[in-house]
Amino acid sequence: MRNRKIFIGILATAVLLTVIFISMKAYYVAVALFAGTLILGHREFWSLIRTRKLPPIDERIRENSGKSLRNGFIFFAIVTVFLMLVFSINRTWSPDNLHLLGGLFVSTGVAYALSYLYYDRAEPKLGGRGLTMIRTFLLVAGIAPAVFIISVFLHNIISGLLGAEEPVFFIISTIIAPLALAVGLIGSLVIFIQALFSSGS
């Protein structure tokens, strides 16, 4: 009964915020919020439609949801910090804040959904080697943006001190960091998909 009240409260809050965003003509944010609510509560919605009851929440589901929420929050924080740094470096770039917020909501929801899918379906099928490889690829993908930001700062500082273009950090920020990010994301995605459709357990 308590879980049902909490779920209805969250749903009512999401609907209210969606209506507010629509009244502000922030349709992109409203769609992102509504889609995120559906993603987060897909099990509950499906169970309420079929049985008019919330699904039982066992320890495994609780643990997977907790890890996925943690990953979603970390993703949201990292992307927010990255965007703040980009704005501080490039003051001429002024995108629509509502579209930016909507994109942030959508990507955070996708990060949560992929995390839950990973913990629920893919991780149990990965052996020790698979877990090590996917963690290594994700680590590379996580370090790449930090390397990019540091390289941009160092490039600008050294170029300003020397009065000429500095080539090393320029190459790192424009070629090596994006390449490392692509390798990390593609590698982890390949392992994730292989584990997801693997028949082993």
Protein backbone atom coordinates (compact mmCIF):
# COMPACT_ATOMS: atom_id res chain seq x y z
CA MET A 1 0.00 0.00 0.00
CA ARG A 2 2.85 2.37 0.87
CA ASN A 3 4.60 1.65 -2.45
CA ARG A 4 1.36 2.37 -4.31
CA LYS A 5 1.00 5.78 -2.60
CA ILE A 6 4.62 6.66 -3.37
CA PHE A 7 4.21 5.65 -7.00
CA ILE A 8 0.97 7.64 -7.39
CA GLY A 9 2.66 10.65 -5.76
CA ILE A 10 5.59 10.48 -8.18
CA LEU A 11 3.23 10.04 -11.13
CA ALA A 12 1.08 13.01 -10.05
CA THR A 13 4.20 15.19 -9.67
CA ALA A 14 5.43 14.17 -13.13
CA VAL A 15 2.02 14.95 -14.69
CA LEU A 16 1.89 18.34 -12.94
CA LEU A 17 5.40 19.26 -14.12
CA THR A 18 4.54 18.08 -17.64
CA VAL A 19 1.47 20.35 -17.71
CA ILE A 20 3.57 23.29 -16.43
CA PHE A 21 6.21 22.72 -19.13
CA ILE A 22 3.53 22.47 -21.82
CA SER A 23 1.96 25.74 -20.62
CA MET A 24 5.43 27.33 -20.95
CA LYS A 25 5.60 25.91 -24.51
CA ALA A 26 8.61 23.83 -23.43
CA TYR A 27 7.30 20.82 -25.35
CA TYR A 28 10.70 19.17 -25.63
CA VAL A 29 11.19 19.16 -21.85
CA ALA A 30 7.62 17.98 -21.28
CA VAL A 31 8.06 15.04 -23.66
CA ALA A 32 11.41 14.22 -22.05
CA LEU A 33 9.91 14.27 -18.55
CA PHE A 34 6.90 12.17 -19.58
CA ALA A 35 9.10 9.65 -21.44
CA GLY A 36 11.44 9.45 -18.44
CA THR A 37 8.51 8.71 -16.13
CA LEU A 38 7.35 5.92 -18.44
CA ILE A 39 10.86 4.47 -18.57
CA LEU A 40 11.30 4.60 -14.79
CA GLY A 41 7.88 3.13 -14.05
CA HIS A 42 7.39 0.74 -16.95
CA ARG A 43 7.08 -2.32 -14.67
CA GLU A 44 4.57 -0.58 -12.41
CA PHE A 45 2.44 0.71 -15.30
CA TRP A 46 2.35 -2.68 -17.00
CA SER A 47 1.43 -4.44 -13.77
CA LEU A 48 -1.30 -1.92 -12.91
CA ILE A 49 -2.83 -2.31 -16.39
CA ARG A 50 -2.80 -6.12 -16.23
CA THR A 51 -3.47 -6.91 -12.55
CA ARG A 52 -4.36 -3.54 -10.95
CA LYS A 53 -1.55 -4.18 -8.47
CA LEU A 54 2.02 -3.01 -8.22
CA PRO A 55 4.60 -5.71 -8.91
CA PRO A 56 6.43 -7.20 -5.94
CA ILE A 57 9.78 -5.52 -5.30
CA ASP A 58 12.31 -8.17 -4.33
CA GLU A 59 15.88 -7.58 -3.22
CA ARG A 60 17.31 -8.02 -6.73
CA ILE A 61 15.00 -5.43 -8.29
CA ARG A 62 15.68 -3.01 -5.43
CA GLU A 63 19.44 -3.43 -5.85
CA ASN A 64 19.31 -3.04 -9.65
CA SER A 65 17.11 0.06 -9.35
CA GLY A 66 19.44 1.57 -6.75
CA LYS A 67 22.51 1.02 -8.92
CA SER A 68 20.72 2.37 -11.99
CA LEU A 69 19.57 5.50 -10.14
CA ARG A 70 23.14 6.02 -8.93
CA ASN A 71 24.46 5.72 -12.49
CA GLY A 72 21.79 8.10 -13.79
CA PHE A 73 22.67 10.67 -11.12
CA ILE A 74 26.41 10.36 -11.83
CA PHE A 75 25.74 10.76 -15.56
CA PHE A 76 23.56 13.83 -14.92
CA ALA A 77 26.22 15.40 -12.66
CA ILE A 78 29.09 14.74 -15.08
CA VAL A 79 27.21 16.09 -18.11
CA THR A 80 26.12 19.16 -16.13
CA VAL A 81 29.70 19.90 -15.04
CA PHE A 82 30.93 19.34 -18.61
CA LEU A 83 28.32 21.76 -20.01
CA MET A 84 29.22 24.36 -17.37
CA LEU A 85 32.87 24.10 -18.36
CA VAL A 86 32.00 24.39 -22.05
CA PHE A 87 29.92 27.52 -21.33
CA SER A 88 32.78 29.02 -19.31
CA ILE A 89 35.24 28.40 -22.18
CA ASN A 90 32.98 29.38 -25.11
CA ARG A 91 30.85 32.37 -24.11
CA THR A 92 29.65 32.96 -27.68
CA TRP A 93 27.68 29.67 -27.74
CA SER A 94 24.15 30.27 -26.43
CA PRO A 95 21.82 27.32 -27.11
CA ASP A 96 18.16 27.23 -26.11
CA ASN A 97 18.17 26.38 -22.40
CA LEU A 98 14.89 24.47 -22.58
CA HIS A 99 16.15 22.25 -25.39
CA LEU A 100 19.39 21.72 -23.49
CA LEU A 101 17.46 20.77 -20.34
CA GLY A 102 15.23 18.43 -22.33
CA GLY A 103 18.22 16.74 -23.92
CA LEU A 104 19.79 16.35 -20.48
CA PHE A 105 16.61 14.73 -19.12
CA VAL A 106 16.33 12.37 -22.09
CA SER A 107 19.98 11.30 -21.96
CA THR A 108 19.77 10.77 -18.17
CA GLY A 109 16.67 8.61 -18.66
CA VAL A 110 18.47 6.60 -21.35
CA ALA A 111 21.47 6.18 -19.01
CA TYR A 112 19.12 4.87 -16.29
CA ALA A 113 17.30 2.51 -18.67
CA LEU A 114 20.55 1.09 -20.10
CA SER A 115 21.97 0.68 -16.60
CA TYR A 116 18.91 -1.22 -15.41
CA LEU A 117 18.95 -3.40 -18.53
CA TYR A 118 22.65 -4.08 -17.94
CA TYR A 119 22.26 -5.08 -14.28
CA ASP A 120 19.07 -7.05 -14.92
CA ARG A 121 19.89 -8.89 -18.16
CA ALA A 122 23.52 -8.48 -19.26
CA GLU A 123 25.66 -8.58 -16.10
CA PRO A 124 24.51 -12.07 -14.97
CA LYS A 125 25.64 -13.46 -18.35
CA LEU A 126 29.09 -11.84 -18.31
CA GLY A 127 31.99 -13.85 -16.97
CA GLY A 128 35.00 -12.38 -15.19
CA ARG A 129 36.73 -11.49 -18.46
CA GLY A 130 33.62 -9.80 -19.86
CA LEU A 131 33.12 -7.72 -16.70
CA THR A 132 36.77 -6.63 -16.77
CA MET A 133 36.57 -5.65 -20.44
CA ILE A 134 33.34 -3.65 -20.12
CA ARG A 135 34.66 -1.84 -17.03
CA THR A 136 37.89 -1.02 -18.89
CA PHE A 137 35.99 0.37 -21.89
CA LEU A 138 33.69 2.41 -19.63
CA LEU A 139 36.71 3.74 -17.74
CA VAL A 140 38.31 4.85 -21.02
CA ALA A 141 35.01 6.51 -22.06
CA GLY A 142 34.79 8.25 -18.68
CA ILE A 143 38.37 9.52 -18.68
CA ALA A 144 38.22 10.85 -22.27
CA PRO A 145 36.03 13.93 -21.52
CA ALA A 146 38.27 14.88 -18.58
CA VAL A 147 41.35 14.57 -20.81
CA PHE A 148 39.60 16.72 -23.43
CA ILE A 149 38.82 19.51 -20.94
CA ILE A 150 42.30 19.48 -19.38
CA SER A 151 43.93 19.49 -22.84
CA VAL A 152 41.83 22.46 -23.98
CA PHE A 153 42.80 24.43 -20.87
CA LEU A 154 46.48 23.55 -21.19
CA HIS A 155 46.47 24.30 -24.93
CA ASN A 156 44.97 27.75 -24.33
CA ILE A 157 47.34 28.54 -21.46
CA ILE A 158 50.51 27.38 -23.25
CA SER A 159 49.47 29.05 -26.53
CA GLY A 160 48.89 32.29 -24.63
CA LEU A 161 52.28 32.08 -22.91
CA LEU A 162 54.18 31.19 -26.09
CA GLY A 163 52.25 33.50 -28.40
CA ALA A 164 51.92 30.65 -30.91
CA GLU A 165 49.77 27.56 -31.45
CA GLU A 166 50.73 24.67 -29.15
CA PRO A 167 50.40 21.38 -31.11
CA VAL A 168 50.58 18.55 -28.51
CA PHE A 169 47.51 19.34 -26.38
CA PHE A 170 45.67 20.49 -29.52
CA ILE A 171 46.09 17.00 -31.04
CA ILE A 172 45.11 15.36 -27.75
CA SER A 173 41.91 17.43 -27.45
CA THR A 174 40.83 17.20 -31.10
CA ILE A 175 41.89 13.66 -32.06
CA ILE A 176 43.01 11.43 -29.18
CA ALA A 177 40.30 12.28 -26.60
CA PRO A 178 37.35 11.96 -29.04
CA LEU A 179 38.84 8.75 -30.43
CA ALA A 180 39.23 7.32 -26.91
CA LEU A 181 35.63 8.27 -26.12
CA ALA A 182 34.39 6.55 -29.29
CA VAL A 183 36.46 3.41 -28.62
CA GLY A 184 35.24 3.24 -25.00
CA LEU A 185 31.57 3.70 -25.88
CA ILE A 186 31.58 1.37 -28.90
CA GLY A 187 33.57 -1.34 -27.08
CA SER A 188 31.32 -1.31 -24.01
CA LEU A 189 28.20 -1.23 -26.21
CA VAL A 190 29.39 -4.26 -28.23
CA ILE A 191 30.04 -6.29 -25.05
CA PHE A 192 26.70 -5.14 -23.59
CA ILE A 193 24.75 -6.20 -26.69
CA GLN A 194 26.58 -9.53 -26.93
CA ALA A 195 25.78 -10.28 -23.28
CA LEU A 196 22.17 -9.11 -23.70
CA PHE A 197 21.49 -11.53 -26.54
CA SER A 198 23.66 -14.32 -25.22
CA SER A 199 21.87 -17.55 -24.30
CA GLY A 200 24.26 -18.33 -21.43
CA SER A 201 23.48 -17.53 -17.82
